[in-house]
Amino acid sequence: MHLTVKIVNIFEGNVAVNVPSHLATINLYAPETGLPVCIMDGTYITAVRTSGAAVVSVRALSRKDAKIATVLGAGVQANQHLTLLPLVRDFTELRVVSKHYAEAEALARQHPRARAFADVEEAVRGSDVVCLATHAYQPVIDAHWIQPGTHVSSVGVAPPKGEFPTDLVHRGHLYVESTDAFKPFPVGCAELEGLSAESGTELGDMLLGRAPGRISDDQITLYKGMGIAMEDMVAADLAFRSAKRLGKGMRITL
């Protein structure tokens, strides 16, 4: 594995000029010498690994008969969610909700079976899966909108409160990437600050059979992602090795 440095910039005004608000670069270094090996765009890798982890939670925890999914957000993360969700369930409908309805419409047009919803509550109450992918500083849904049997995922990071309603934790079973999610921000998730690590289960433990997953069709299951460095390291290393194998990229001298 290469030594990895990732730099992320957040410029919220970028949306107005059709540039992603979250931009990233990833640098790889030889672990033996520290020599720079690769400079790559990290924006796409961040989007894929973040949404990928959330959709893994959908595959592992949502009901097998889940048919309707709602994605809140209309940015890079929401787009990746809509791309990946059909790979894990046979959804008959993908609903898109955004702060600006026109943006939800524009995103929905890019995906089969997707349609924009203007009413957030209506979309959420009628869903089997709800995916939060926003940069909201306050919860974007009400915990009481979530019906029994629903799976909810959240990947947005925007303190002080963030997009995920903390009181929803008490209505379902919570899964996280790491128990570090319960540490104070910026190490952990702002929404989970103050909760004990016993409030959640590591998703990896469930996938490896060391912890239970969904136990009934009525259970509400939750996933709160924060993004951990190891995910970036593995994703970047895979991208680098694939590029070398396929002869992609450009060799430069620094």
Protein backbone atom coordinates (compact mmCIF):
# COMPACT_ATOMS: atom_id res chain seq x y z
CA MET A 1 0.00 0.00 0.00
CA HIS A 2 1.26 3.47 -0.86
CA LEU A 3 1.59 6.35 1.56
CA THR A 4 -1.40 8.52 0.77
CA VAL A 5 -2.18 12.20 1.22
CA LYS A 6 -5.63 13.51 0.31
CA ILE A 7 -6.51 17.20 0.16
CA VAL A 8 -10.17 18.27 0.07
CA ASN A 9 -11.41 21.80 -0.62
CA ILE A 10 -15.00 22.91 -0.03
CA PHE A 11 -16.17 25.98 -1.93
CA GLU A 12 -19.94 26.21 -1.66
CA GLY A 13 -20.13 28.96 -4.28
CA ASN A 14 -18.89 26.54 -6.94
CA VAL A 15 -22.42 25.27 -7.49
CA ALA A 16 -23.32 28.58 -9.14
CA VAL A 17 -20.61 28.07 -11.79
CA ASN A 18 -21.34 24.37 -12.38
CA VAL A 19 -18.25 23.16 -10.49
CA PRO A 20 -18.50 20.57 -7.66
CA SER A 21 -18.44 22.21 -4.24
CA HIS A 22 -16.16 19.45 -2.92
CA LEU A 23 -12.88 19.11 -4.80
CA ALA A 24 -10.05 16.74 -3.94
CA THR A 25 -6.61 15.60 -5.03
CA ILE A 26 -4.82 12.45 -3.88
CA ASN A 27 -1.04 11.98 -3.86
CA LEU A 28 0.66 8.59 -3.55
CA TYR A 29 4.21 8.08 -2.25
CA ALA A 30 6.49 5.05 -2.22
CA PRO A 31 6.45 3.61 1.31
CA GLU A 32 10.14 2.63 1.13
CA THR A 33 11.57 5.99 0.03
CA GLY A 34 8.84 8.62 0.19
CA LEU A 35 9.27 9.41 -3.50
CA PRO A 36 6.10 10.75 -5.16
CA VAL A 37 4.51 8.06 -7.30
CA CYS A 38 1.19 9.50 -8.50
CA ILE A 39 -0.98 12.62 -8.41
CA MET A 40 -4.63 11.93 -9.14
CA ASP A 41 -7.99 13.62 -9.02
CA GLY A 42 -9.72 12.70 -5.78
CA THR A 43 -13.17 14.17 -6.44
CA TYR A 44 -14.50 11.15 -8.31
CA ILE A 45 -12.77 8.66 -5.99
CA THR A 46 -14.31 10.38 -2.97
CA ALA A 47 -17.75 10.25 -4.57
CA VAL A 48 -17.47 6.58 -5.50
CA ARG A 49 -16.07 5.27 -2.24
CA THR A 50 -18.50 7.33 -0.13
CA SER A 51 -21.62 6.37 -2.05
CA GLY A 52 -20.27 2.85 -2.47
CA ALA A 53 -20.07 2.34 1.29
CA ALA A 54 -23.61 3.70 1.73
CA VAL A 55 -24.97 1.42 -0.99
CA VAL A 56 -23.19 -1.57 0.58
CA SER A 57 -25.25 -0.78 3.68
CA VAL A 58 -28.38 -0.76 1.49
CA ARG A 59 -27.47 -4.17 0.06
CA ALA A 60 -26.76 -5.63 3.48
CA LEU A 61 -29.50 -4.02 5.59
CA SER A 62 -32.51 -2.99 3.51
CA ARG A 63 -35.43 -5.38 3.10
CA LYS A 64 -35.02 -7.79 0.20
CA ASP A 65 -38.34 -6.60 -1.23
CA ALA A 66 -37.42 -2.89 -1.12
CA LYS A 67 -38.87 -1.21 -4.22
CA ILE A 68 -38.76 2.57 -3.66
CA ALA A 69 -35.66 4.59 -2.75
CA THR A 70 -35.41 8.31 -2.13
CA VAL A 71 -32.16 10.23 -2.50
CA LEU A 72 -31.95 13.65 -0.85
CA GLY A 73 -29.49 15.90 -2.63
CA ALA A 74 -28.66 16.74 -6.24
CA GLY A 75 -24.87 16.92 -6.23
CA VAL A 76 -22.02 14.52 -6.96
CA GLN A 77 -22.88 12.19 -4.09
CA ALA A 78 -26.56 12.00 -5.01
CA ASN A 79 -25.65 11.24 -8.61
CA GLN A 80 -23.39 8.37 -7.56
CA HIS A 81 -26.07 6.98 -5.25
CA LEU A 82 -28.55 6.90 -8.13
CA THR A 83 -25.96 5.11 -10.28
CA LEU A 84 -25.20 2.43 -7.70
CA LEU A 85 -28.56 1.78 -6.03
CA PRO A 86 -29.98 -0.26 -8.96
CA LEU A 87 -27.01 -2.64 -8.60
CA VAL A 88 -28.14 -3.90 -5.19
CA ARG A 89 -31.96 -3.93 -5.36
CA ASP A 90 -34.56 -4.09 -8.12
CA PHE A 91 -36.00 -0.65 -7.38
CA THR A 92 -39.10 0.22 -9.36
CA GLU A 93 -38.78 3.91 -8.49
CA LEU A 94 -35.95 6.24 -7.51
CA ARG A 95 -37.10 9.53 -6.02
CA VAL A 96 -34.90 12.63 -6.00
CA VAL A 97 -35.42 15.54 -3.61
CA SER A 98 -33.33 18.70 -3.44
CA LYS A 99 -33.48 22.14 -1.90
CA HIS A 100 -34.03 23.41 -5.44
CA TYR A 101 -36.62 21.40 -7.38
CA ALA A 102 -35.06 22.26 -10.76
CA GLU A 103 -31.82 20.61 -9.67
CA ALA A 104 -33.68 17.49 -8.61
CA GLU A 105 -35.41 17.41 -12.00
CA ALA A 106 -32.13 17.80 -13.86
CA LEU A 107 -30.52 14.95 -11.92
CA ALA A 108 -33.55 12.66 -12.26
CA ARG A 109 -33.42 13.02 -16.05
CA GLN A 110 -30.01 11.37 -16.03
CA HIS A 111 -31.22 8.12 -14.46
CA PRO A 112 -33.84 5.60 -15.61
CA ARG A 113 -36.74 5.14 -13.19
CA ALA A 114 -35.81 8.34 -11.34
CA ARG A 115 -38.21 11.24 -10.85
CA ALA A 116 -38.07 14.45 -8.89
CA PHE A 117 -40.29 15.07 -5.88
CA ALA A 118 -41.13 18.52 -4.54
CA ASP A 119 -42.51 17.31 -1.20
CA VAL A 120 -39.73 15.85 0.98
CA GLU A 121 -42.07 14.34 3.54
CA GLU A 122 -44.21 12.62 0.93
CA ALA A 123 -41.16 11.13 -0.78
CA VAL A 124 -39.61 9.90 2.46
CA ARG A 125 -42.77 8.47 4.03
CA GLY A 126 -43.41 6.29 0.97
CA SER A 127 -39.87 4.92 0.69
CA ASP A 128 -38.25 1.63 1.64
CA VAL A 129 -34.76 3.17 1.46
CA VAL A 130 -33.78 6.78 2.19
CA CYS A 131 -30.31 8.04 1.29
CA LEU A 132 -29.16 11.42 2.61
CA ALA A 133 -26.44 12.97 0.44
CA THR A 134 -26.49 16.70 1.14
CA HIS A 135 -24.30 19.41 2.59
CA ALA A 136 -27.02 20.53 4.99
CA TYR A 137 -26.13 22.02 8.35
CA GLN A 138 -29.44 20.93 9.88
CA PRO A 139 -31.39 17.65 9.64
CA VAL A 140 -33.13 17.36 6.28
CA ILE A 141 -35.78 14.88 7.42
CA ASP A 142 -37.92 14.35 10.49
CA ALA A 143 -37.26 11.09 12.33
CA HIS A 144 -41.00 10.40 12.50
CA TRP A 145 -41.30 10.33 8.71
CA ILE A 146 -39.35 7.07 8.63
CA GLN A 147 -41.72 4.12 8.44
CA PRO A 148 -41.08 0.69 10.07
CA GLY A 149 -38.84 -1.48 7.93
CA THR A 150 -37.03 1.43 6.25
CA HIS A 151 -33.26 1.62 5.80
CA VAL A 152 -31.70 5.09 6.07
CA SER A 153 -28.16 6.02 5.07
CA SER A 154 -26.39 9.34 5.53
CA VAL A 155 -23.04 10.50 4.13
CA GLY A 156 -23.20 14.30 4.45
CA VAL A 157 -20.72 16.02 6.77
CA ALA A 158 -21.63 19.58 7.77
CA PRO A 159 -21.43 20.50 11.46
CA PRO A 160 -22.72 21.69 13.84
CA LYS A 161 -25.74 19.42 13.40
CA GLY A 162 -25.59 17.91 9.92
CA GLU A 163 -28.25 16.27 7.76
CA PHE A 164 -29.02 13.21 9.93
CA PRO A 165 -31.59 13.60 12.76
CA THR A 166 -29.94 12.26 15.91
CA ASP A 167 -33.25 11.21 17.46
CA LEU A 168 -33.64 8.67 14.66
CA VAL A 169 -30.91 6.60 16.36
CA HIS A 170 -33.40 5.74 19.09
CA ARG A 171 -35.91 4.36 16.55
CA GLY A 172 -33.60 1.91 14.82
CA HIS A 173 -30.28 0.10 14.86
CA LEU A 174 -27.26 2.16 13.78
CA TYR A 175 -24.28 0.95 11.76
CA VAL A 176 -21.06 2.93 11.24
CA GLU A 177 -17.76 2.42 9.43
CA SER A 178 -15.82 2.68 12.68
CA THR A 179 -16.62 3.43 16.29
CA ASP A 180 -14.45 6.53 15.78
CA ALA A 181 -17.70 7.97 14.39
CA PHE A 182 -18.73 8.64 17.99
CA LYS A 183 -15.67 10.77 18.75
CA PRO A 184 -15.94 14.58 18.69
CA PHE A 185 -15.88 16.25 15.27
CA PRO A 186 -13.76 16.42 13.09
CA VAL A 187 -12.66 12.86 13.87
CA GLY A 188 -16.23 11.66 14.32
CA CYS A 189 -19.69 12.62 13.07
CA ALA A 190 -21.26 15.76 14.47
CA GLU A 191 -24.68 14.07 14.59
CA LEU A 192 -23.37 11.28 16.83
CA GLU A 193 -21.39 13.41 19.26
CA GLY A 194 -22.43 12.67 22.83
CA LEU A 195 -23.68 9.16 22.05
CA SER A 196 -21.75 6.18 23.37
CA ALA A 197 -19.94 3.85 20.96
CA GLU A 198 -22.31 1.13 22.13
CA SER A 199 -25.07 2.97 20.25
CA GLY A 200 -23.83 1.54 16.97
CA THR A 201 -22.35 -1.50 15.26
CA GLU A 202 -19.45 -1.47 12.82
CA LEU A 203 -20.76 -2.36 9.37
CA GLY A 204 -17.70 -4.55 8.77
CA ASP A 205 -18.49 -6.66 11.83
CA MET A 206 -21.96 -7.31 10.45
CA LEU A 207 -20.63 -8.16 6.98
CA LEU A 208 -18.14 -10.62 8.51
CA GLY A 209 -20.85 -12.30 10.58
CA ARG A 210 -19.54 -11.04 13.91
CA ALA A 211 -22.63 -8.92 14.57
CA PRO A 212 -26.30 -9.23 13.57
CA GLY A 213 -27.85 -7.40 10.64
CA ARG A 214 -31.54 -6.76 10.06
CA ILE A 215 -33.58 -8.96 12.42
CA SER A 216 -37.12 -8.28 11.15
CA ASP A 217 -39.05 -6.65 8.31
CA ASP A 218 -40.30 -3.98 10.71
CA GLN A 219 -36.90 -2.98 12.03
CA ILE A 220 -35.51 0.43 11.05
CA THR A 221 -31.85 0.17 10.09
CA LEU A 222 -29.49 3.13 9.87
CA TYR A 223 -26.05 3.80 8.42
CA LYS A 224 -24.04 6.95 9.16
CA GLY A 225 -20.88 7.31 7.08
CA MET A 226 -18.10 9.75 7.87
CA GLY A 227 -15.41 8.62 5.43
CA ILE A 228 -12.28 7.04 6.86
CA ALA A 229 -8.72 7.34 5.57
CA MET A 230 -8.32 3.63 4.87
CA GLU A 231 -11.17 3.75 2.33
CA ASP A 232 -9.38 6.53 0.45
CA MET A 233 -6.05 4.68 0.58
CA VAL A 234 -7.52 1.46 -0.80
CA ALA A 235 -9.60 3.20 -3.48
CA ALA A 236 -6.66 5.32 -4.65
CA ASP A 237 -4.33 2.31 -4.70
CA LEU A 238 -6.84 0.34 -6.80
CA ALA A 239 -7.20 3.26 -9.22
CA PHE A 240 -3.41 3.61 -9.54
CA ARG A 241 -2.82 -0.09 -10.16
CA SER A 242 -5.63 -0.23 -12.70
CA ALA A 243 -4.24 2.82 -14.53
CA LYS A 244 -0.82 1.18 -14.75
CA ARG A 245 -2.30 -2.07 -16.02
CA LEU A 246 -4.38 -0.28 -18.67
CA GLY A 247 -1.63 2.12 -19.68
CA LYS A 248 -3.59 5.17 -18.60
CA GLY A 249 -2.23 8.42 -17.21
CA MET A 250 0.76 10.60 -18.05
CA ARG A 251 4.32 10.27 -16.82
CA ILE A 252 5.84 13.57 -15.64
CA THR A 253 9.15 14.66 -14.12
CA LEU A 254 9.04 16.87 -11.06
